[in-house]
Protein backbone atom coordinates (compact mmCIF):
# COMPACT_ATOMS: atom_id res chain seq x y z
CA MET A 1 0.00 0.00 0.00
CA THR A 2 1.41 3.39 -0.97
CA LYS A 3 1.60 6.31 1.43
CA GLU A 4 -1.21 8.01 -0.53
CA GLN A 5 -3.44 4.92 -0.31
CA ASN A 6 -2.79 4.66 3.41
CA ILE A 7 -3.69 8.35 3.94
CA ALA A 8 -6.88 7.93 1.88
CA ARG A 9 -7.81 4.86 3.96
CA VAL A 10 -7.43 6.83 7.22
CA TYR A 11 -9.57 9.69 5.89
CA LYS A 12 -12.41 7.32 4.96
CA MET A 13 -12.45 5.51 8.33
CA SER A 14 -15.43 6.43 10.45
CA PHE A 15 -14.60 8.48 13.51
CA THR A 16 -17.03 6.22 15.39
CA SER A 17 -14.80 3.20 14.72
CA VAL A 18 -11.75 4.85 16.33
CA TYR A 19 -13.42 6.79 19.17
CA PRO A 20 -13.82 3.72 21.46
CA HIS A 21 -10.07 3.10 21.13
CA TYR A 22 -9.34 6.64 22.33
CA ILE A 23 -11.58 6.03 25.35
CA GLN A 24 -10.07 2.62 26.03
CA LYS A 25 -6.54 3.99 25.87
CA ALA A 26 -7.44 6.73 28.36
CA GLU A 27 -9.39 4.48 30.73
CA LYS A 28 -6.57 1.91 30.86
CA LYS A 29 -4.49 4.68 32.43
CA GLY A 30 -7.15 5.87 34.85
CA ARG A 31 -8.48 8.72 32.73
CA THR A 32 -12.11 9.20 31.63
CA LYS A 33 -14.35 9.32 28.56
CA GLU A 34 -15.29 12.85 29.68
CA GLU A 35 -11.65 13.90 29.44
CA VAL A 36 -11.39 12.38 25.95
CA ASP A 37 -14.53 14.31 24.94
CA GLU A 38 -13.16 17.53 26.45
CA ILE A 39 -10.02 17.15 24.31
CA ILE A 40 -12.08 16.51 21.16
CA PHE A 41 -14.35 19.49 21.89
CA TRP A 42 -11.34 21.75 22.58
CA LEU A 43 -9.59 20.72 19.36
CA THR A 44 -12.59 20.81 17.00
CA GLY A 45 -15.13 23.21 18.50
CA TYR A 46 -17.82 20.52 18.56
CA ASP A 47 -20.21 20.42 21.49
CA LYS A 48 -21.89 17.34 22.94
CA ASP A 49 -24.85 17.41 20.51
CA THR A 50 -22.94 18.08 17.29
CA PHE A 51 -20.34 15.49 18.29
CA GLN A 52 -23.04 12.89 18.98
CA HIS A 53 -24.55 13.64 15.56
CA HIS A 54 -21.23 12.71 13.92
CA LEU A 55 -20.96 9.53 15.99
CA ASP A 56 -24.53 8.52 15.11
CA ASN A 57 -23.94 9.17 11.40
CA LYS A 58 -20.58 7.37 11.34
CA THR A 59 -18.88 10.42 9.85
CA ASP A 60 -15.48 9.70 8.31
CA PHE A 61 -12.33 11.43 9.57
CA GLU A 62 -12.14 13.68 6.52
CA SER A 63 -15.68 15.04 7.03
CA PHE A 64 -15.32 15.10 10.82
CA PHE A 65 -12.41 17.53 10.64
CA ALA A 66 -13.69 19.41 7.56
CA GLN A 67 -16.98 20.16 9.35
CA ALA A 68 -15.38 21.08 12.69
CA PRO A 69 -17.00 24.33 13.82
CA HIS A 70 -13.79 25.89 15.11
CA PHE A 71 -10.43 24.16 14.88
CA ASN A 72 -8.49 25.43 17.88
CA PRO A 73 -5.78 27.94 16.87
CA ASN A 74 -3.65 26.67 19.78
CA ALA A 75 -3.37 23.31 18.04
CA SER A 76 -0.17 24.65 16.48
CA LYS A 77 1.34 24.47 19.99
CA ILE A 78 1.02 20.67 19.91
CA THR A 79 4.45 19.21 19.26
CA GLY A 80 6.17 15.89 19.56
CA VAL A 81 6.27 12.48 17.92
CA ILE A 82 3.26 10.29 17.21
CA CYS A 83 3.40 7.16 15.05
CA GLY A 84 6.99 7.99 14.16
CA TYR A 85 6.22 11.47 12.82
CA ARG A 86 6.77 14.89 14.37
CA VAL A 87 3.24 16.36 14.39
CA GLU A 88 4.48 19.88 13.78
CA GLU A 89 6.23 18.73 10.56
CA ILE A 90 3.32 16.86 8.94
CA GLU A 91 2.61 18.72 5.70
CA GLU A 92 -0.78 17.24 4.79
CA PRO A 93 -3.22 19.48 6.78
CA LEU A 94 -5.89 16.86 7.43
CA MET A 95 -3.38 14.20 8.50
CA GLN A 96 -1.82 16.76 10.83
CA LYS A 97 -5.22 17.34 12.48
CA VAL A 98 -5.73 13.58 12.91
CA ARG A 99 -2.27 13.26 14.46
CA TYR A 100 -2.85 16.27 16.72
CA LEU A 101 -5.80 14.40 18.19
CA ASP A 102 -3.74 11.20 18.51
CA LYS A 103 -1.02 13.15 20.31
CA LEU A 104 -3.48 14.74 22.76
CA ILE A 105 -5.00 11.36 23.60
CA ASP A 106 -1.48 10.02 24.08
CA GLU A 107 -0.68 12.84 26.50
CA LEU A 108 -3.88 12.11 28.42
CA ALA A 109 -2.97 8.43 28.70
CA LYS A 110 0.52 9.36 29.90
CA GLY A 111 -0.97 11.26 32.83
CA LYS A 112 -0.40 14.83 31.68
CA ALA A 113 -2.57 17.45 33.37
CA MET A 114 -5.60 18.61 31.31
CA GLU A 115 -4.39 22.20 31.63
CA LYS A 116 -1.18 21.29 29.82
CA ILE A 117 -2.93 19.04 27.27
CA LEU A 118 -5.28 21.89 26.35
CA ARG A 119 -2.31 24.26 26.01
CA LYS A 120 -3.59 26.76 28.61
């Protein structure tokens, strides 16, 4: 599978299929679904209702991020390595957004304080 095919595959995955894994990763380390949701809401601008709508409709990653009401401008402060890539150096904008979320969930699972995760 080429890099382009792999990227396209990620974009077409439903957010609903990955969301339980985010929760599971957090809960294994003593964190909560509410904290995962808070991170998603902070990053995307979704609220509980609009987020639930996307879960119910099995929205794919591409649409989930494209339709985000307000992508947080502080996302550019998210740095570090996720899946072998430095998030701040990912050139494909959508993939960078996906990896920003992965990185934040990683930080949550590693016990980082919410204040630091949300770049306050």
